[in-house]
């Protein structure tokens, strides 16, 4: 008996992935838990394990192809399993469909397009009568692979002419329909392959970024506050400990100090560490402090999360930042390291920016932007001196965070950064 194993939902709202590498070939024997392929999703690069033991009978999808959750990945030939037992096992696993091949035909369970009903793959034993409930549905038979492929390509399978037994739609029919559509476009002289432009498909990360920032802008009422803080004392403290940290294999930037100041301020201004549950008319205050740090990578922006950041020392925060940043750039983060952030910090100053209007990492309610440190003339003790100025930008969800509360929050962060000893005192 054969099982079709579909791309499973691995959590965190992932909808699709790109095939990076196949570990198996047709005819290869595998055990349950063996890795079938490596998949690049919009959050992590991960291996997909086999749910069953058996022999690989067919592989769907080539390296570089993007497949949606629920799309067929492999067919596994299961030895010593009867048809009834296989169907029973498949019903326990929503990612698996059962088929059995006989010659060129596909028999077993086939879905009717547009219906949740399952029909036999052949006409044998079927009544010519159609149930009343099925009358409005056009009876288009299709293999599970063809159905999944049509869904992935957003093709109405009812418009596809099937060439399989009894007019059944096969995967080849889906490809033929797509090619015919492309030919029609070419005939209409709609040609985007102009040599003056370069066209590249969106990466999984870029699609995720586009989706998430759109979600944030449509669901949160953004308000941004800008300010500047003089940090000469902080610079001196960093210089004092920088070489000691390097000797221990850790680079000390200003970000650990900013994270520490932020977590201390969040404990006083709890609304900035909350989440709006508008469906249930309530605010969820979080008594833990998981700080997301935006990391610029070749693939796009990734936001790993430093869990319980308030419990970490400056040295431990520096270690975590180094570790998370390296893993983000190598695409080695796992899902646990990307979820459940309560507040986010983005340090665009590391590449030269001063101010910005950062977009909230929804459903969080605040994000702190850190700009480039600059030398500026300031007034100190009624005298004009050279100061080291750190620009800050904070965006909040104005539906539950007021401007006054936001300003008090930023003021507290600036107080900590102005006087680094206050980290210890508080």
Protein backbone atom coordinates (compact mmCIF):
# COMPACT_ATOMS: atom_id res chain seq x y z
CA UNK A 1 0.00 0.00 0.00
CA UNK A 2 1.18 3.53 -0.71
CA UNK A 3 1.01 6.68 1.36
CA UNK A 4 1.28 10.18 -0.02
CA UNK A 5 3.05 12.33 2.54
CA UNK A 6 2.17 16.01 2.27
CA UNK A 7 4.22 18.99 3.42
CA UNK A 8 3.09 19.24 7.07
CA UNK A 9 2.17 22.32 9.06
CA UNK A 10 5.24 22.78 11.29
CA UNK A 11 3.77 25.69 13.21
CA UNK A 12 4.05 29.48 13.55
CA UNK A 13 1.62 30.09 10.68
CA UNK A 14 3.96 28.78 7.97
CA UNK A 15 2.14 28.43 4.67
CA UNK A 16 4.85 27.36 2.24
CA UNK A 17 8.50 26.48 1.83
CA UNK A 18 11.20 26.15 -0.81
CA UNK A 19 12.95 22.82 -1.36
CA UNK A 20 16.67 23.22 -0.59
CA UNK A 21 17.90 19.62 -0.82
CA UNK A 22 16.51 16.10 -1.20
CA UNK A 23 18.04 13.43 1.05
CA UNK A 24 16.21 10.50 -0.59
CA UNK A 25 15.82 9.07 -4.08
CA UNK A 26 13.20 6.90 -5.71
CA UNK A 27 13.56 3.28 -4.64
CA UNK A 28 15.42 4.13 -1.41
CA UNK A 29 14.34 2.38 1.79
CA UNK A 30 13.68 4.68 4.76
CA UNK A 31 12.66 4.41 8.39
CA UNK A 32 10.15 6.52 10.27
CA UNK A 33 11.92 9.68 11.45
CA UNK A 34 14.53 9.69 8.67
CA UNK A 35 14.95 13.11 7.04
CA UNK A 36 13.37 13.29 3.58
CA UNK A 37 14.42 16.79 2.52
CA UNK A 38 15.58 20.19 3.71
CA UNK A 39 12.98 22.95 3.45
CA UNK A 40 13.55 26.71 3.55
CA UNK A 41 10.55 28.43 5.14
CA UNK A 42 10.01 32.12 5.86
CA UNK A 43 11.36 31.60 9.38
CA UNK A 44 13.78 28.67 9.49
CA UNK A 45 15.61 26.15 7.34
CA UNK A 46 14.55 22.73 8.63
CA UNK A 47 14.60 19.03 7.78
CA UNK A 48 11.27 17.28 7.17
CA UNK A 49 11.22 13.73 8.62
CA UNK A 50 9.30 10.77 7.22
CA UNK A 51 6.22 9.71 9.21
CA UNK A 52 6.43 6.10 7.98
CA UNK A 53 8.92 3.36 7.16
CA UNK A 54 9.00 1.92 3.67
CA UNK A 55 10.36 2.53 0.18
CA UNK A 56 10.27 5.85 -1.67
CA UNK A 57 8.00 5.24 -4.66
CA UNK A 58 7.81 8.79 -6.00
CA UNK A 59 9.20 12.25 -5.25
CA UNK A 60 7.35 15.49 -6.00
CA UNK A 61 9.07 18.82 -6.37
CA UNK A 62 12.56 19.82 -7.46
CA UNK A 63 15.24 21.75 -5.61
CA UNK A 64 14.34 25.44 -5.75
CA UNK A 65 10.59 24.85 -6.11
CA UNK A 66 8.20 26.46 -3.63
CA UNK A 67 5.50 24.19 -2.22
CA UNK A 68 2.56 25.00 0.03
CA UNK A 69 1.59 23.22 3.22
CA UNK A 70 -0.59 20.24 2.28
CA UNK A 71 1.16 19.66 -1.06
CA UNK A 72 2.43 16.14 -1.79
CA UNK A 73 6.14 15.58 -1.15
CA UNK A 74 6.67 11.83 -1.51
CA UNK A 75 4.86 8.54 -2.00
CA UNK A 76 5.97 5.79 0.37
CA UNK A 77 5.40 2.12 -0.40
CA UNK A 78 4.45 0.39 2.86
CA UNK A 79 5.10 -3.34 2.92
CA UNK A 80 2.88 -5.76 4.77
CA UNK A 81 0.04 -3.31 5.32
CA UNK A 82 -3.44 -4.19 4.06
CA UNK A 83 -5.65 -1.63 2.38
CA UNK A 84 -8.03 -1.40 5.34
CA UNK A 85 -5.19 -0.94 7.81
CA UNK A 86 -3.58 1.72 5.62
CA UNK A 87 -6.80 3.72 5.36
CA UNK A 88 -7.29 3.46 9.11
CA UNK A 89 -3.74 4.72 9.73
CA UNK A 90 -4.15 7.53 7.20
CA UNK A 91 -7.29 8.77 8.91
CA UNK A 92 -5.20 9.38 12.03
CA UNK A 93 -2.80 11.64 10.12
CA UNK A 94 -4.24 14.63 8.26
CA UNK A 95 -1.00 15.09 6.28
CA UNK A 96 -1.27 11.65 4.65
CA UNK A 97 -3.47 10.45 1.79
CA UNK A 98 -3.77 6.82 0.73
CA UNK A 99 -3.61 5.51 -2.84
CA UNK A 100 -2.75 2.28 -4.59
CA UNK A 101 -1.48 2.12 -8.14
CA UNK A 102 -2.56 -0.57 -10.56
CA UNK A 103 -0.97 -0.28 -13.97
CA UNK A 104 -1.30 3.23 -15.26
CA UNK A 105 -4.44 4.00 -13.29
CA UNK A 106 -4.72 5.42 -9.79
CA UNK A 107 -7.19 3.62 -7.58
CA UNK A 108 -8.15 3.99 -3.94
CA UNK A 109 -9.44 7.34 -2.69
CA UNK A 110 -9.79 10.23 -5.11
CA UNK A 111 -11.37 13.58 -4.33
CA UNK A 112 -14.02 15.27 -6.41
CA UNK A 113 -13.01 18.84 -7.12
CA UNK A 114 -15.23 21.28 -5.27
CA UNK A 115 -16.44 18.65 -2.82
CA UNK A 116 -15.21 17.11 0.42
CA UNK A 117 -16.72 13.77 -0.61
CA UNK A 118 -14.43 10.84 -1.49
CA UNK A 119 -15.24 8.65 -4.48
CA UNK A 120 -13.89 5.37 -5.81
CA UNK A 121 -11.27 5.89 -8.51
CA UNK A 122 -13.19 3.77 -10.99
CA UNK A 123 -16.86 3.73 -12.01
CA UNK A 124 -17.30 0.12 -10.92
CA UNK A 125 -20.08 -0.32 -8.41
CA UNK A 126 -21.30 3.26 -8.76
CA UNK A 127 -24.91 4.08 -9.27
CA UNK A 128 -25.81 6.25 -12.23
CA UNK A 129 -27.94 8.27 -9.87
CA UNK A 130 -26.45 11.37 -8.32
CA UNK A 131 -27.43 12.26 -4.77
CA UNK A 132 -29.42 15.46 -4.40
CA UNK A 133 -26.66 17.02 -2.31
CA UNK A 134 -24.13 16.45 -5.12
CA UNK A 135 -26.18 17.92 -7.96
CA UNK A 136 -24.64 21.41 -7.99
CA UNK A 137 -21.10 20.00 -8.04
CA UNK A 138 -19.41 19.26 -11.34
CA UNK A 139 -17.98 15.75 -11.10
CA UNK A 140 -14.31 16.29 -11.88
CA UNK A 141 -12.09 13.43 -10.78
CA UNK A 142 -8.50 14.23 -9.92
CA UNK A 143 -5.56 12.51 -8.30
CA UNK A 144 -4.49 13.97 -4.93
CA UNK A 145 -1.22 15.16 -6.46
CA UNK A 146 -3.04 17.01 -9.26
CA UNK A 147 -5.46 18.53 -6.80
CA UNK A 148 -2.63 19.74 -4.56
CA UNK A 149 -0.70 21.09 -7.56
CA UNK A 150 -3.74 23.00 -8.82
CA UNK A 151 -4.29 24.51 -5.39
CA UNK A 152 -0.65 25.54 -5.16
CA UNK A 153 -0.76 27.21 -8.60
CA UNK A 154 -4.19 28.73 -7.89
CA UNK A 155 -5.72 26.98 -10.87
CA UNK A 156 -9.44 26.16 -10.94
CA UNK A 157 -9.22 22.41 -11.47
CA UNK A 158 -12.77 22.37 -12.89
CA UNK A 159 -11.40 24.19 -15.95
CA UNK A 160 -8.72 21.58 -16.61
CA UNK A 161 -9.32 18.81 -19.15
CA UNK A 162 -8.32 15.45 -17.71
CA UNK A 163 -6.47 12.88 -19.83
CA UNK A 164 -6.41 10.08 -17.25
CA UNK A 165 -8.84 7.14 -16.94
CA UNK A 166 -12.48 8.30 -17.03
CA UNK A 167 -11.30 11.85 -17.72
CA UNK A 168 -9.39 12.04 -14.46
CA UNK A 169 -7.17 15.10 -14.06
CA UNK A 170 -3.51 14.12 -13.69
CA UNK A 171 -0.58 16.30 -12.68
CA UNK A 172 0.53 16.45 -16.34
CA UNK A 173 -2.84 18.04 -17.16
CA UNK A 174 -2.19 20.80 -14.63
CA UNK A 175 1.20 21.57 -16.20
CA UNK A 176 -0.34 21.54 -19.68
CA UNK A 177 -3.08 23.93 -18.60
CA UNK A 178 -0.49 26.28 -17.10
CA UNK A 179 1.67 26.16 -20.26
CA UNK A 180 -1.36 26.91 -22.42
CA UNK A 181 -2.19 29.91 -20.23
CA UNK A 182 1.38 31.19 -20.62
CA UNK A 183 1.15 30.79 -24.40
CA UNK A 184 -2.03 32.85 -24.43
CA UNK A 185 -0.27 35.59 -22.51
CA UNK A 186 2.63 35.56 -24.98
CA UNK A 187 0.20 35.72 -27.91
CA UNK A 188 -1.37 38.78 -26.31
CA UNK A 189 2.11 40.37 -26.41
CA UNK A 190 2.30 40.78 -22.64
CA UNK A 191 6.00 40.25 -22.16
CA UNK A 192 7.74 41.20 -18.91
CA UNK A 193 11.04 39.61 -19.96
CA UNK A 194 12.44 42.98 -21.02
CA UNK A 195 16.24 42.92 -21.06
CA UNK A 196 16.21 46.34 -19.36
CA UNK A 197 14.81 44.84 -16.18
CA UNK A 198 15.83 41.93 -13.98
CA UNK A 199 13.16 39.73 -12.44
CA UNK A 200 13.77 37.55 -9.40
CA UNK A 201 11.24 35.61 -7.36
CA UNK A 202 10.58 36.71 -3.79
CA UNK A 203 12.45 34.69 -1.18
CA UNK A 204 10.53 33.04 1.65
CA UNK A 205 11.90 35.59 4.13
CA UNK A 206 11.00 38.54 1.91
CA UNK A 207 7.45 37.23 1.49
CA UNK A 208 7.22 36.87 5.26
CA UNK A 209 8.48 40.43 5.78
CA UNK A 210 5.98 41.79 3.26
CA UNK A 211 3.15 39.88 4.90
CA UNK A 212 4.08 40.85 8.46
CA UNK A 213 4.63 44.58 7.87
CA UNK A 214 1.33 44.77 5.98
CA UNK A 215 -0.37 42.99 8.87
CA UNK A 216 1.18 45.44 11.33
CA UNK A 217 0.26 48.58 9.37
CA UNK A 218 -3.31 47.38 8.88
CA UNK A 219 -3.91 46.24 12.46
CA UNK A 220 -1.99 48.70 14.66
CA UNK A 221 -2.35 52.48 14.94
CA UNK A 222 1.30 53.53 14.72
CA UNK A 223 2.60 56.53 16.66
CA UNK A 224 6.31 57.38 16.81
CA UNK A 225 8.29 59.44 19.33
CA UNK A 226 11.84 60.67 18.66
CA UNK A 227 14.48 61.70 21.19
CA UNK A 228 18.23 61.93 21.78
CA UNK A 229 20.36 60.91 24.75
CA UNK A 230 23.91 61.89 25.69
CA UNK A 231 25.91 58.72 26.50
CA UNK A 232 29.52 59.75 27.15
CA UNK A 233 29.58 57.88 30.48
CA UNK A 234 28.22 54.74 28.78
CA UNK A 235 30.93 54.96 26.10
CA UNK A 236 33.60 55.10 28.79
CA UNK A 237 32.16 52.05 30.57
CA UNK A 238 32.03 50.08 27.33
CA UNK A 239 35.63 50.96 26.50
CA UNK A 240 36.66 49.81 29.97
CA UNK A 241 35.22 46.32 29.53
CA UNK A 242 35.48 45.81 25.76
CA UNK A 243 38.91 44.16 25.81
CA UNK A 244 37.96 41.89 28.73
CA UNK A 245 34.95 40.66 26.77
CA UNK A 246 37.04 40.07 23.65
CA UNK A 247 39.45 37.96 25.71
CA UNK A 248 36.46 35.76 26.55
CA UNK A 249 35.44 35.55 22.89
CA UNK A 250 32.53 38.01 23.10
CA UNK A 251 32.13 41.30 21.23
CA UNK A 252 30.66 44.06 23.43
CA UNK A 253 28.45 46.50 21.54
CA UNK A 254 26.06 49.09 22.94
CA UNK A 255 23.06 46.85 22.33
CA UNK A 256 23.37 44.82 25.59
CA UNK A 257 23.17 48.07 27.58
CA UNK A 258 20.15 49.20 25.57
CA UNK A 259 18.40 45.85 26.09
CA UNK A 260 19.10 46.00 29.85
CA UNK A 261 17.77 49.57 30.06
CA UNK A 262 14.68 48.59 28.04
CA UNK A 263 13.79 45.57 30.19
CA UNK A 264 14.12 47.64 33.38
CA UNK A 265 11.86 50.33 31.90
CA UNK A 266 9.32 47.73 30.71
CA UNK A 267 8.88 46.54 34.31
CA UNK A 268 7.71 50.03 35.24
CA UNK A 269 5.70 50.69 32.07
CA UNK A 270 3.88 47.36 31.69
CA UNK A 271 1.61 48.55 28.89
CA UNK A 272 4.64 48.52 26.55
CA UNK A 273 5.09 44.80 27.30
CA UNK A 274 1.47 43.91 26.62
CA UNK A 275 -0.77 42.71 23.80
CA UNK A 276 -4.20 43.96 22.75
CA UNK A 277 -6.83 41.22 22.48
CA UNK A 278 -9.51 43.25 20.77
CA UNK A 279 -11.70 40.24 20.00
CA UNK A 280 -12.22 39.65 23.72
CA UNK A 281 -12.00 43.33 24.75
CA UNK A 282 -8.98 42.83 26.98
CA UNK A 283 -5.29 43.66 27.38
CA UNK A 284 -2.82 40.84 28.05
CA UNK A 285 0.04 42.05 30.27
CA UNK A 286 3.16 39.88 30.06
CA UNK A 287 5.27 39.37 33.15
CA UNK A 288 8.21 38.02 31.18
CA UNK A 289 10.58 39.96 28.97
CA UNK A 290 11.53 38.31 25.69
CA UNK A 291 13.32 40.88 23.57
CA UNK A 292 13.43 40.50 19.79
CA UNK A 293 16.53 41.90 18.05
CA UNK A 294 16.29 42.72 14.36
CA UNK A 295 19.23 41.18 12.46
CA UNK A 296 20.13 42.27 8.94
CA UNK A 297 21.01 39.24 6.79
CA UNK A 298 21.63 38.65 3.09
CA UNK A 299 18.19 37.06 2.87
CA UNK A 300 16.37 39.87 4.71
CA UNK A 301 15.47 40.97 8.22
CA UNK A 302 15.22 38.21 10.86
CA UNK A 303 14.13 38.81 14.46
CA UNK A 304 15.48 36.19 16.90
CA UNK A 305 14.25 36.44 20.48
CA UNK A 306 16.38 36.69 23.63
CA UNK A 307 14.24 34.99 26.25
CA UNK A 308 14.02 36.34 29.82
CA UNK A 309 16.41 39.14 28.92
CA UNK A 310 15.79 40.84 32.28
CA UNK A 311 17.55 37.95 34.08
CA UNK A 312 20.74 38.19 32.01
CA UNK A 313 23.89 40.17 32.81
CA UNK A 314 25.51 42.53 30.30
CA UNK A 315 28.03 39.80 29.50
CA UNK A 316 25.29 37.18 29.00
CA UNK A 317 23.31 39.57 26.81
CA UNK A 318 26.41 40.22 24.68
CA UNK A 319 26.90 36.45 24.32
CA UNK A 320 23.27 35.96 23.27
CA UNK A 321 23.40 38.80 20.75
CA UNK A 322 26.58 37.40 19.16
CA UNK A 323 25.13 33.87 19.09
CA UNK A 324 21.70 34.84 17.74
CA UNK A 325 23.11 37.18 15.09
CA UNK A 326 25.49 34.51 13.80
CA UNK A 327 22.78 31.86 13.69
CA UNK A 328 20.40 34.26 11.93
CA UNK A 329 22.94 35.02 9.20
CA UNK A 330 23.64 31.31 8.71
CA UNK A 331 19.89 30.46 8.76
CA UNK A 332 20.44 28.08 11.69
CA UNK A 333 17.75 29.44 14.03
CA UNK A 334 14.96 27.12 15.13
CA UNK A 335 11.32 28.11 15.62
CA UNK A 336 11.67 28.36 19.41
CA UNK A 337 14.28 31.09 18.93
CA UNK A 338 11.92 33.17 16.79
CA UNK A 339 8.63 33.15 18.68
CA UNK A 340 6.97 34.70 21.73
CA UNK A 341 8.80 38.03 21.71
CA UNK A 342 7.21 40.70 23.89
CA UNK A 343 9.11 43.79 22.65
CA UNK A 344 11.51 44.41 19.75
CA UNK A 345 14.65 46.54 19.28
CA UNK A 346 16.03 47.39 15.83
CA UNK A 347 19.54 48.83 15.59
CA UNK A 348 19.71 50.53 12.19
CA UNK A 349 22.43 52.83 13.59
CA UNK A 350 24.93 50.01 13.12
CA UNK A 351 24.84 50.71 9.37
CA UNK A 352 24.64 54.51 9.62
CA UNK A 353 20.96 55.48 10.08
CA UNK A 354 19.93 58.17 12.57
CA UNK A 355 16.13 58.23 12.92
CA UNK A 356 13.37 56.07 11.49
CA UNK A 357 9.71 55.22 11.94
CA UNK A 358 10.07 51.53 12.87
CA UNK A 359 7.13 49.23 12.15
CA UNK A 360 5.73 47.37 15.16
CA UNK A 361 6.38 43.62 15.26
CA UNK A 362 2.66 42.81 15.54
CA UNK A 363 0.98 41.73 17.85
CA UNK A 364 3.51 43.45 20.12
CA UNK A 365 2.68 47.07 20.95
CA UNK A 366 6.11 48.68 20.78
CA UNK A 367 9.43 48.70 18.94
CA UNK A 368 12.53 50.76 19.80
CA UNK A 369 14.76 52.02 17.00
CA UNK A 370 18.41 52.83 17.78
CA UNK A 371 20.33 55.26 15.56
CA UNK A 372 23.99 56.04 14.94
CA UNK A 373 25.98 57.70 17.73
CA UNK A 374 27.12 61.18 16.66
CA UNK A 375 29.26 63.91 18.19
CA UNK A 376 27.25 67.10 18.64
CA UNK A 377 27.67 70.36 20.56
CA UNK A 378 25.59 70.31 23.74
CA UNK A 379 25.12 72.60 26.73
CA UNK A 380 26.51 71.13 29.96
CA UNK A 381 26.88 73.19 33.15
CA UNK A 382 26.11 76.30 31.11
CA UNK A 383 29.01 75.59 28.77
CA UNK A 384 29.03 74.32 25.20
CA UNK A 385 30.88 71.00 24.99
CA UNK A 386 31.10 68.09 22.61
CA UNK A 387 28.58 65.38 23.45
CA UNK A 388 28.03 61.84 22.21
CA UNK A 389 24.42 61.68 21.09
CA UNK A 390 22.42 58.49 20.58
CA UNK A 391 19.18 59.00 18.57
CA UNK A 392 16.16 56.91 19.61
CA UNK A 393 12.87 56.30 17.80
CA UNK A 394 9.99 54.36 19.33
CA UNK A 395 6.79 53.31 17.57
CA UNK A 396 3.83 52.17 19.66
CA UNK A 397 0.29 50.96 19.04
CA UNK A 398 -1.64 54.12 19.87
CA UNK A 399 -4.82 52.12 20.45
CA UNK A 400 -3.58 51.16 23.92
CA UNK A 401 -0.37 53.18 24.47
CA UNK A 402 -0.67 56.93 24.97
CA UNK A 403 1.91 59.52 23.98
CA UNK A 404 2.60 60.56 27.59
CA UNK A 405 3.25 56.96 28.67
CA UNK A 406 5.52 56.45 25.66
CA UNK A 407 7.53 59.56 26.54
CA UNK A 408 7.91 58.51 30.17
CA UNK A 409 9.10 55.07 28.99
CA UNK A 410 11.73 56.60 26.68
CA UNK A 411 12.82 59.02 29.41
CA UNK A 412 13.48 56.12 31.78
CA UNK A 413 15.54 54.29 29.13
CA UNK A 414 17.56 57.47 28.58
CA UNK A 415 18.14 57.87 32.32
CA UNK A 416 19.64 54.38 32.47
CA UNK A 417 21.84 54.99 29.41
CA UNK A 418 23.04 58.34 30.77
CA UNK A 419 24.06 56.75 34.09
CA UNK A 420 25.20 53.10 33.49
CA UNK A 421 25.74 52.55 37.25
CA UNK A 422 21.96 52.77 37.66
CA UNK A 423 21.72 49.31 36.04
CA UNK A 424 23.28 47.88 39.17
CA UNK A 425 21.37 50.12 41.59
CA UNK A 426 17.99 49.12 40.14
